[in-house]
Amino acid sequence: MRTRISGTPLTAFLTLAWCLEGANDFRIAHWINAHGDEPMAMAQSADGKSLVIGTEKGEILVWDIAGRRISKRLTQGEPVHAVAVAGAPGIIFAAGGRHIGARRSGLVRRWNLDAGTYTDLQPASPSAILSLATDPVSGIVAASNMTGELFVWDARGRLLLDRRWNESILGLAVQGRSILLTTVDLNAAQRAMRNQEFATNAITELDLDNQEAPHARWFPGRREDSGEVRRPLRTANGSPRR
């Protein structure tokens, strides 16, 4: 058994590898970009025939899996930190923005890959979008930025939610009309680490059809006899942005 894929999360190229002799025997097949243009996100197309890749340079690359080549190259114009595939064929979402320097910004675009056209989802984010999720059945799209703001749109791009969260949002998932997000109080986590205590992030569920109701929230924790503890909260953690 030989595994020959090398690299780190900071490697300045994307390696695509294919199985040669066995389930765990790979080799480097292609480098699709060079140093200084790091790939930041990847998603498989709805038909399973392509990979959609977003880069720090601001390009969206469509990789033909069978042909082992770039079949389309689109320009987002801003760094792409997340991509997600919609339920409709040929429709993807790409999100990102500038996260350092004076020109910090964030955007989410709905791309039609066949036509090569896009629509910006509004409002624009004041900071870079780092997390993006979709539900292919409901068409709901959710995105969050570096400063703890959560944006949710329907399949037509109509804004359903714009809310500032009290904690940093680390990850998102969409299930029907429910938004699941992982959050953490970074200051509390740093204090816990200094005191050698166990700290974890929380998992929150938000019902889009009942936004004013208290959110279901869990704190996975450790307990000597069972391993995981789920403790729901009765108070909402988010508040409407003013």
C-alpha atoms as a PDB file:
ATOM      1  CA  MET A   1       0.000   0.000   0.000  1.00  0.00           C
ATOM      2  CA  ARG A   2       1.528   3.275  -1.116  1.00  0.00           C
ATOM      3  CA  THR A   3       0.048   6.725  -0.593  1.00  0.00           C
ATOM      4  CA  ARG A   4       1.902   9.429  -2.467  1.00  0.00           C
ATOM      5  CA  ILE A   5      -0.136  12.627  -2.072  1.00  0.00           C
ATOM      6  CA  SER A   6       1.965  15.379  -0.565  1.00  0.00           C
ATOM      7  CA  GLY A   7       1.169  18.900   0.561  1.00  0.00           C
ATOM      8  CA  THR A   8      -0.247  20.980   3.383  1.00  0.00           C
ATOM      9  CA  PRO A   9      -3.265  23.278   3.696  1.00  0.00           C
ATOM     10  CA  LEU A  10      -0.958  26.154   2.768  1.00  0.00           C
ATOM     11  CA  THR A  11       0.457  24.495  -0.333  1.00  0.00           C
ATOM     12  CA  ALA A  12       0.266  26.858  -3.283  1.00  0.00           C
ATOM     13  CA  PHE A  13      -1.138  24.331  -5.729  1.00  0.00           C
ATOM     14  CA  LEU A  14      -4.076  21.932  -5.924  1.00  0.00           C
ATOM     15  CA  THR A  15      -3.301  18.301  -6.554  1.00  0.00           C
ATOM     16  CA  LEU A  16      -5.826  16.063  -8.248  1.00  0.00           C
ATOM     17  CA  ALA A  17      -5.076  12.369  -7.840  1.00  0.00           C
ATOM     18  CA  TRP A  18      -6.657   9.261  -9.220  1.00  0.00           C
ATOM     19  CA  CYS A  19      -6.591   5.644  -8.061  1.00  0.00           C
ATOM     20  CA  LEU A  20      -4.146   3.533 -10.063  1.00  0.00           C
ATOM     21  CA  GLU A  21      -3.681   0.034  -8.664  1.00  0.00           C
ATOM     22  CA  GLY A  22      -5.772  -0.077  -5.520  1.00  0.00           C
ATOM     23  CA  ALA A  23      -8.094   1.835  -3.261  1.00  0.00           C
ATOM     24  CA  ASN A  24      -5.190   3.473  -1.451  1.00  0.00           C
ATOM     25  CA  ASP A  25      -2.605   3.823  -4.204  1.00  0.00           C
ATOM     26  CA  PHE A  26      -2.442   7.343  -5.650  1.00  0.00           C
ATOM     27  CA  ARG A  27      -0.090   9.512  -7.626  1.00  0.00           C
ATOM     28  CA  ILE A  28      -0.028  13.202  -8.522  1.00  0.00           C
ATOM     29  CA  ALA A  29      -1.869  13.538 -11.814  1.00  0.00           C
ATOM     30  CA  HIS A  30      -2.123  17.268 -12.446  1.00  0.00           C
ATOM     31  CA  TRP A  31      -1.220  20.603 -10.916  1.00  0.00           C
ATOM     32  CA  ILE A  32      -3.868  23.051 -12.004  1.00  0.00           C
ATOM     33  CA  ASN A  33      -2.329  26.267 -10.731  1.00  0.00           C
ATOM     34  CA  ALA A  34       0.936  27.702  -9.478  1.00  0.00           C
ATOM     35  CA  HIS A  35       2.398  29.410  -6.446  1.00  0.00           C
ATOM     36  CA  GLY A  36       0.565  32.530  -5.302  1.00  0.00           C
ATOM     37  CA  ASP A  37      -2.894  31.349  -6.380  1.00  0.00           C
ATOM     38  CA  GLU A  38      -4.028  29.054  -3.599  1.00  0.00           C
ATOM     39  CA  PRO A  39      -7.244  27.043  -4.048  1.00  0.00           C
ATOM     40  CA  MET A  40      -9.463  27.842  -1.086  1.00  0.00           C
ATOM     41  CA  ALA A  41     -12.673  25.886  -1.674  1.00  0.00           C
ATOM     42  CA  MET A  42     -14.047  22.968  -3.684  1.00  0.00           C
ATOM     43  CA  ALA A  43     -17.423  21.365  -4.344  1.00  0.00           C
ATOM     44  CA  GLN A  44     -18.629  18.614  -6.644  1.00  0.00           C
ATOM     45  CA  SER A  45     -21.253  19.452  -9.248  1.00  0.00           C
ATOM     46  CA  ALA A  46     -24.777  18.099  -8.865  1.00  0.00           C
ATOM     47  CA  ASP A  47     -24.229  15.584 -11.691  1.00  0.00           C
ATOM     48  CA  GLY A  48     -20.903  14.437 -10.246  1.00  0.00           C
ATOM     49  CA  LYS A  49     -19.030  15.175 -13.471  1.00  0.00           C
ATOM     50  CA  SER A  50     -17.129  18.290 -12.409  1.00  0.00           C
ATOM     51  CA  LEU A  51     -15.352  19.934  -9.509  1.00  0.00           C
ATOM     52  CA  VAL A  52     -15.911  23.622  -8.848  1.00  0.00           C
ATOM     53  CA  ILE A  53     -12.814  25.253  -7.328  1.00  0.00           C
ATOM     54  CA  GLY A  54     -12.475  28.743  -5.872  1.00  0.00           C
ATOM     55  CA  THR A  55      -9.075  30.408  -5.587  1.00  0.00           C
ATOM     56  CA  GLU A  56      -7.484  33.180  -3.541  1.00  0.00           C
ATOM     57  CA  LYS A  57      -6.758  34.975  -6.808  1.00  0.00           C
ATOM     58  CA  GLY A  58     -10.502  35.311  -7.391  1.00  0.00           C
ATOM     59  CA  GLU A  59     -11.092  32.705 -10.089  1.00  0.00           C
ATOM     60  CA  ILE A  60     -13.656  29.912 -10.289  1.00  0.00           C
ATOM     61  CA  LEU A  61     -12.319  26.853 -12.080  1.00  0.00           C
ATOM     62  CA  VAL A  62     -14.567  24.089 -13.383  1.00  0.00           C
ATOM     63  CA  TRP A  63     -12.597  20.850 -13.557  1.00  0.00           C
ATOM     64  CA  ASP A  64     -13.819  18.108 -15.912  1.00  0.00           C
ATOM     65  CA  ILE A  65     -13.214  14.929 -13.909  1.00  0.00           C
ATOM     66  CA  ALA A  66     -13.400  12.493 -16.849  1.00  0.00           C
ATOM     67  CA  GLY A  67     -11.354  14.675 -19.178  1.00  0.00           C
ATOM     68  CA  ARG A  68      -8.897  15.715 -16.449  1.00  0.00           C
ATOM     69  CA  ARG A  69      -8.814  19.318 -17.605  1.00  0.00           C
ATOM     70  CA  ILE A  70     -10.164  22.772 -16.787  1.00  0.00           C
ATOM     71  CA  SER A  71     -13.353  23.096 -18.840  1.00  0.00           C
ATOM     72  CA  LYS A  72     -14.255  26.628 -17.748  1.00  0.00           C
ATOM     73  CA  ARG A  73     -12.558  29.543 -16.018  1.00  0.00           C
ATOM     74  CA  LEU A  74     -14.646  32.355 -14.512  1.00  0.00           C
ATOM     75  CA  THR A  75     -13.559  35.546 -12.756  1.00  0.00           C
ATOM     76  CA  GLN A  76     -15.076  36.438  -9.389  1.00  0.00           C
ATOM     77  CA  GLY A  77     -12.715  39.398  -8.936  1.00  0.00           C
ATOM     78  CA  GLU A  78     -12.317  38.848  -5.178  1.00  0.00           C
ATOM     79  CA  PRO A  79     -10.768  35.965  -3.223  1.00  0.00           C
ATOM     80  CA  VAL A  80     -13.105  32.948  -3.127  1.00  0.00           C
ATOM     81  CA  HIS A  81     -13.233  31.259   0.283  1.00  0.00           C
ATOM     82  CA  ALA A  82     -16.280  29.027  -0.138  1.00  0.00           C
ATOM     83  CA  VAL A  83     -18.277  27.413  -2.936  1.00  0.00           C
ATOM     84  CA  ALA A  84     -21.551  25.490  -2.798  1.00  0.00           C
ATOM     85  CA  VAL A  85     -23.683  23.730  -5.384  1.00  0.00           C
ATOM     86  CA  ALA A  86     -27.389  24.492  -5.816  1.00  0.00           C
ATOM     87  CA  GLY A  87     -30.062  21.958  -6.650  1.00  0.00           C
ATOM     88  CA  ALA A  88     -30.582  23.405 -10.146  1.00  0.00           C
ATOM     89  CA  PRO A  89     -28.142  22.075 -12.784  1.00  0.00           C
ATOM     90  CA  GLY A  90     -25.293  24.431 -13.591  1.00  0.00           C
ATOM     91  CA  ILE A  91     -25.977  26.789 -10.675  1.00  0.00           C
ATOM     92  CA  ILE A  92     -23.342  27.349  -7.979  1.00  0.00           C
ATOM     93  CA  PHE A  93     -22.662  29.921  -5.276  1.00  0.00           C
ATOM     94  CA  ALA A  94     -19.218  31.408  -4.653  1.00  0.00           C
ATOM     95  CA  ALA A  95     -18.416  33.558  -1.627  1.00  0.00           C
ATOM     96  CA  GLY A  96     -15.434  35.388  -0.192  1.00  0.00           C
ATOM     97  CA  GLY A  97     -13.920  38.837  -0.296  1.00  0.00           C
ATOM     98  CA  ARG A  98     -10.858  40.664   0.992  1.00  0.00           C
ATOM     99  CA  HIS A  99     -10.069  39.752   4.583  1.00  0.00           C
ATOM    100  CA  ILE A 100      -6.934  41.853   5.188  1.00  0.00           C
ATOM    101  CA  GLY A 101      -5.964  45.440   4.520  1.00  0.00           C
ATOM    102  CA  ALA A 102      -8.102  48.554   4.287  1.00  0.00           C
ATOM    103  CA  ARG A 103     -10.404  47.255   1.532  1.00  0.00           C
ATOM    104  CA  ARG A 104     -12.148  44.553   3.526  1.00  0.00           C
ATOM    105  CA  SER A 105     -15.358  43.369   1.919  1.00  0.00           C
ATOM    106  CA  GLY A 106     -17.497  40.318   1.373  1.00  0.00           C
ATOM    107  CA  LEU A 107     -19.817  39.016  -1.317  1.00  0.00           C
ATOM    108  CA  VAL A 108     -21.879  36.000  -2.343  1.00  0.00           C
ATOM    109  CA  ARG A 109     -22.516  35.373  -6.033  1.00  0.00           C
ATOM    110  CA  ARG A 110     -24.982  33.059  -7.745  1.00  0.00           C
ATOM    111  CA  TRP A 111     -23.292  31.768 -10.895  1.00  0.00           C
ATOM    112  CA  ASN A 112     -24.826  30.196 -13.972  1.00  0.00           C
ATOM    113  CA  LEU A 113     -21.897  28.093 -15.153  1.00  0.00           C
ATOM    114  CA  ASP A 114     -23.328  27.414 -18.617  1.00  0.00           C
ATOM    115  CA  ALA A 115     -23.944  31.079 -19.395  1.00  0.00           C
ATOM    116  CA  GLY A 116     -20.965  32.396 -17.439  1.00  0.00           C
ATOM    117  CA  THR A 117     -23.161  35.033 -15.775  1.00  0.00           C
ATOM    118  CA  TYR A 118     -23.722  35.898 -12.132  1.00  0.00           C
ATOM    119  CA  THR A 119     -25.978  37.774  -9.729  1.00  0.00           C
ATOM    120  CA  ASP A 120     -24.728  39.324  -6.488  1.00  0.00           C
ATOM    121  CA  LEU A 121     -26.828  38.461  -3.453  1.00  0.00           C
ATOM    122  CA  GLN A 122     -27.689  41.500  -1.345  1.00  0.00           C
ATOM    123  CA  PRO A 123     -26.794  42.975   1.046  1.00  0.00           C
ATOM    124  CA  ALA A 124     -23.044  43.015   0.561  1.00  0.00           C
ATOM    125  CA  SER A 125     -21.114  41.903   3.628  1.00  0.00           C
ATOM    126  CA  PRO A 126     -18.824  44.400   5.392  1.00  0.00           C
ATOM    127  CA  SER A 127     -16.199  41.673   5.860  1.00  0.00           C
ATOM    128  CA  ALA A 128     -15.093  38.533   4.034  1.00  0.00           C
ATOM    129  CA  ILE A 129     -17.486  35.596   3.824  1.00  0.00           C
ATOM    130  CA  LEU A 130     -15.808  32.456   5.145  1.00  0.00           C
ATOM    131  CA  SER A 131     -18.663  29.920   5.405  1.00  0.00           C
ATOM    132  CA  LEU A 132     -21.327  29.026   2.862  1.00  0.00           C
ATOM    133  CA  ALA A 133     -24.007  26.318   2.782  1.00  0.00           C
ATOM    134  CA  THR A 134     -27.020  25.403   0.672  1.00  0.00           C
ATOM    135  CA  ASP A 135     -29.911  22.958   0.745  1.00  0.00           C
ATOM    136  CA  PRO A 136     -30.569  21.568  -2.768  1.00  0.00           C
ATOM    137  CA  VAL A 137     -34.236  20.816  -2.011  1.00  0.00           C
ATOM    138  CA  SER A 138     -35.389  24.024  -0.312  1.00  0.00           C
ATOM    139  CA  GLY A 139     -32.919  26.216  -2.235  1.00  0.00           C
ATOM    140  CA  ILE A 140     -31.958  28.062   0.955  1.00  0.00           C
ATOM    141  CA  VAL A 141     -28.488  29.645   0.946  1.00  0.00           C
ATOM    142  CA  ALA A 142     -26.680  30.675   4.150  1.00  0.00           C
ATOM    143  CA  ALA A 143     -23.402  32.564   4.558  1.00  0.00           C
ATOM    144  CA  SER A 144     -21.428  33.995   7.461  1.00  0.00           C
ATOM    145  CA  ASN A 145     -18.555  36.462   7.661  1.00  0.00           C
ATOM    146  CA  MET A 146     -15.525  37.052   9.880  1.00  0.00           C
ATOM    147  CA  THR A 147     -17.380  39.372  12.242  1.00  0.00           C
ATOM    148  CA  GLY A 148     -20.194  36.986  13.192  1.00  0.00           C
ATOM    149  CA  GLU A 149     -22.942  38.064  10.781  1.00  0.00           C
ATOM    150  CA  LEU A 150     -25.320  35.506   9.318  1.00  0.00           C
ATOM    151  CA  PHE A 151     -27.085  36.019   5.976  1.00  0.00           C
ATOM    152  CA  VAL A 152     -29.792  33.729   4.583  1.00  0.00           C
ATOM    153  CA  TRP A 153     -31.481  33.885   1.155  1.00  0.00           C
ATOM    154  CA  ASP A 154     -34.146  31.836  -0.596  1.00  0.00           C
ATOM    155  CA  ALA A 155     -33.727  30.140  -3.981  1.00  0.00           C
ATOM    156  CA  ARG A 156     -34.558  33.393  -5.809  1.00  0.00           C
ATOM    157  CA  GLY A 157     -31.971  35.420  -3.896  1.00  0.00           C
ATOM    158  CA  ARG A 158     -34.512  37.144  -1.625  1.00  0.00           C
ATOM    159  CA  LEU A 159     -33.026  38.009   1.768  1.00  0.00           C
ATOM    160  CA  LEU A 160     -34.649  36.053   4.603  1.00  0.00           C
ATOM    161  CA  LEU A 161     -32.280  36.882   7.453  1.00  0.00           C
ATOM    162  CA  ASP A 162     -29.517  39.365   8.247  1.00  0.00           C
ATOM    163  CA  ARG A 163     -28.433  38.885  11.839  1.00  0.00           C
ATOM    164  CA  ARG A 164     -25.355  39.689  13.858  1.00  0.00           C
ATOM    165  CA  TRP A 165     -24.373  36.825  16.143  1.00  0.00           C
ATOM    166  CA  ASN A 166     -22.788  37.378  19.553  1.00  0.00           C
ATOM    167  CA  GLU A 167     -20.078  34.801  18.910  1.00  0.00           C
ATOM    168  CA  SER A 168     -17.797  33.857  16.034  1.00  0.00           C
ATOM    169  CA  ILE A 169     -19.445  31.543  13.493  1.00  0.00           C
ATOM    170  CA  LEU A 170     -17.170  28.666  12.529  1.00  0.00           C
ATOM    171  CA  GLY A 171     -19.381  26.545  10.302  1.00  0.00           C
ATOM    172  CA  LEU A 172     -22.807  26.355   8.642  1.00  0.00           C
ATOM    173  CA  ALA A 173     -25.260  23.751   7.391  1.00  0.00           C
ATOM    174  CA  VAL A 174     -28.750  24.071   5.915  1.00  0.00           C
ATOM    175  CA  GLN A 175     -31.427  21.433   6.417  1.00  0.00           C
ATOM    176  CA  GLY A 176     -34.714  22.360   4.800  1.00  0.00           C
ATOM    177  CA  ARG A 177     -35.646  25.675   6.378  1.00  0.00           C
ATOM    178  CA  SER A 178     -33.419  25.239   9.410  1.00  0.00           C
ATOM    179  CA  ILE A 179     -29.922  26.711   9.768  1.00  0.00           C
ATOM    180  CA  LEU A 180     -27.365  24.851  11.855  1.00  0.00           C
ATOM    181  CA  LEU A 181     -24.273  26.768  12.898  1.00  0.00           C
ATOM    182  CA  THR A 182     -21.305  26.224  15.128  1.00  0.00           C
ATOM    183  CA  THR A 183     -20.243  29.189  17.226  1.00  0.00           C
ATOM    184  CA  VAL A 184     -17.593  29.894  19.793  1.00  0.00           C
ATOM    185  CA  ASP A 185     -16.738  32.705  22.165  1.00  0.00           C
ATOM    186  CA  LEU A 186     -13.078  33.124  21.241  1.00  0.00           C
ATOM    187  CA  ASN A 187     -12.235  35.078  24.397  1.00  0.00           C
ATOM    188  CA  ALA A 188     -13.757  32.367  26.605  1.00  0.00           C
ATOM    189  CA  ALA A 189     -11.951  29.668  24.625  1.00  0.00           C
ATOM    190  CA  GLN A 190      -8.600  31.415  25.079  1.00  0.00           C
ATOM    191  CA  ARG A 191      -9.186  31.745  28.823  1.00  0.00           C
ATOM    192  CA  ALA A 192     -10.064  28.057  29.043  1.00  0.00           C
ATOM    193  CA  MET A 193      -6.895  27.075  27.196  1.00  0.00           C
ATOM    194  CA  ARG A 194      -4.736  29.182  29.542  1.00  0.00           C
ATOM    195  CA  ASN A 195      -6.375  27.475  32.533  1.00  0.00           C
ATOM    196  CA  GLN A 196      -6.039  24.027  30.905  1.00  0.00           C
ATOM    197  CA  GLU A 197      -9.787  23.588  30.913  1.00  0.00           C
ATOM    198  CA  PHE A 198     -11.934  21.866  28.326  1.00  0.00           C
ATOM    199  CA  ALA A 199     -13.631  24.307  25.962  1.00  0.00           C
ATOM    200  CA  THR A 200     -15.862  23.575  22.988  1.00  0.00           C
ATOM    201  CA  ASN A 201     -18.018  25.383  20.516  1.00  0.00           C
ATOM    202  CA  ALA A 202     -21.812  25.375  20.593  1.00  0.00           C
ATOM    203  CA  ILE A 203     -24.222  24.041  17.964  1.00  0.00           C
ATOM    204  CA  THR A 204     -27.274  26.218  17.349  1.00  0.00           C
ATOM    205  CA  GLU A 205     -30.378  25.499  15.264  1.00  0.00           C
ATOM    206  CA  LEU A 206     -32.366  28.415  13.858  1.00  0.00           C
ATOM    207  CA  ASP A 207     -35.875  27.926  12.429  1.00  0.00           C
ATOM    208  CA  LEU A 208     -36.411  30.369   9.550  1.00  0.00           C
ATOM    209  CA  ASP A 209     -40.184  30.092   9.886  1.00  0.00           C
ATOM    210  CA  ASN A 210     -40.103  31.064  13.566  1.00  0.00           C
ATOM    211  CA  GLN A 211     -37.109  33.390  13.911  1.00  0.00           C
ATOM    212  CA  GLU A 212     -38.258  35.047  17.140  1.00  0.00           C
ATOM    213  CA  ALA A 213     -38.569  31.765  19.026  1.00  0.00           C
ATOM    214  CA  PRO A 214     -35.704  30.629  21.305  1.00  0.00           C
ATOM    215  CA  HIS A 215     -33.130  28.660  19.343  1.00  0.00           C
ATOM    216  CA  ALA A 216     -32.307  25.041  20.109  1.00  0.00           C
ATOM    217  CA  ARG A 217     -28.690  24.994  21.227  1.00  0.00           C
ATOM    218  CA  TRP A 218     -26.304  22.245  22.328  1.00  0.00           C
ATOM    219  CA  PHE A 219     -22.936  22.213  24.044  1.00  0.00           C
ATOM    220  CA  PRO A 220     -21.206  18.906  23.287  1.00  0.00           C
ATOM    221  CA  GLY A 221     -19.156  18.222  26.392  1.00  0.00           C
ATOM    222  CA  ARG A 222     -17.258  15.547  28.257  1.00  0.00           C
ATOM    223  CA  ARG A 223     -18.531  13.475  31.090  1.00  0.00           C
ATOM    224  CA  GLU A 224     -16.704  10.553  32.621  1.00  0.00           C
ATOM    225  CA  ASP A 225     -19.553   8.097  32.239  1.00  0.00           C
ATOM    226  CA  SER A 226     -20.981   8.949  28.799  1.00  0.00           C
ATOM    227  CA  GLY A 227     -18.669  11.069  26.634  1.00  0.00           C
ATOM    228  CA  GLU A 228     -21.153  13.612  25.308  1.00  0.00           C
ATOM    229  CA  VAL A 229     -23.634  15.924  26.977  1.00  0.00           C
ATOM    230  CA  ARG A 230     -26.336  17.847  25.120  1.00  0.00           C
ATOM    231  CA  ARG A 231     -27.796  20.792  27.019  1.00  0.00           C
ATOM    232  CA  PRO A 232     -30.459  22.919  25.285  1.00  0.00           C
ATOM    233  CA  LEU A 233     -30.704  26.624  26.048  1.00  0.00           C
ATOM    234  CA  ARG A 234     -33.992  28.494  26.310  1.00  0.00           C
ATOM    235  CA  THR A 235     -32.637  31.903  25.322  1.00  0.00           C
ATOM    236  CA  ALA A 236     -31.767  33.138  21.866  1.00  0.00           C
ATOM    237  CA  ASN A 237     -28.138  33.939  21.169  1.00  0.00           C
ATOM    238  CA  GLY A 238     -28.640  36.099  18.076  1.00  0.00           C
ATOM    239  CA  SER A 239     -30.203  39.521  17.804  1.00  0.00           C
ATOM    240  CA  PRO A 240     -31.392  41.506  14.782  1.00  0.00           C
ATOM    241  CA  ARG A 241     -28.719  43.772  13.352  1.00  0.00           C
ATOM    242  CA  ARG A 242     -29.471  47.473  13.805  1.00  0.00           C
END
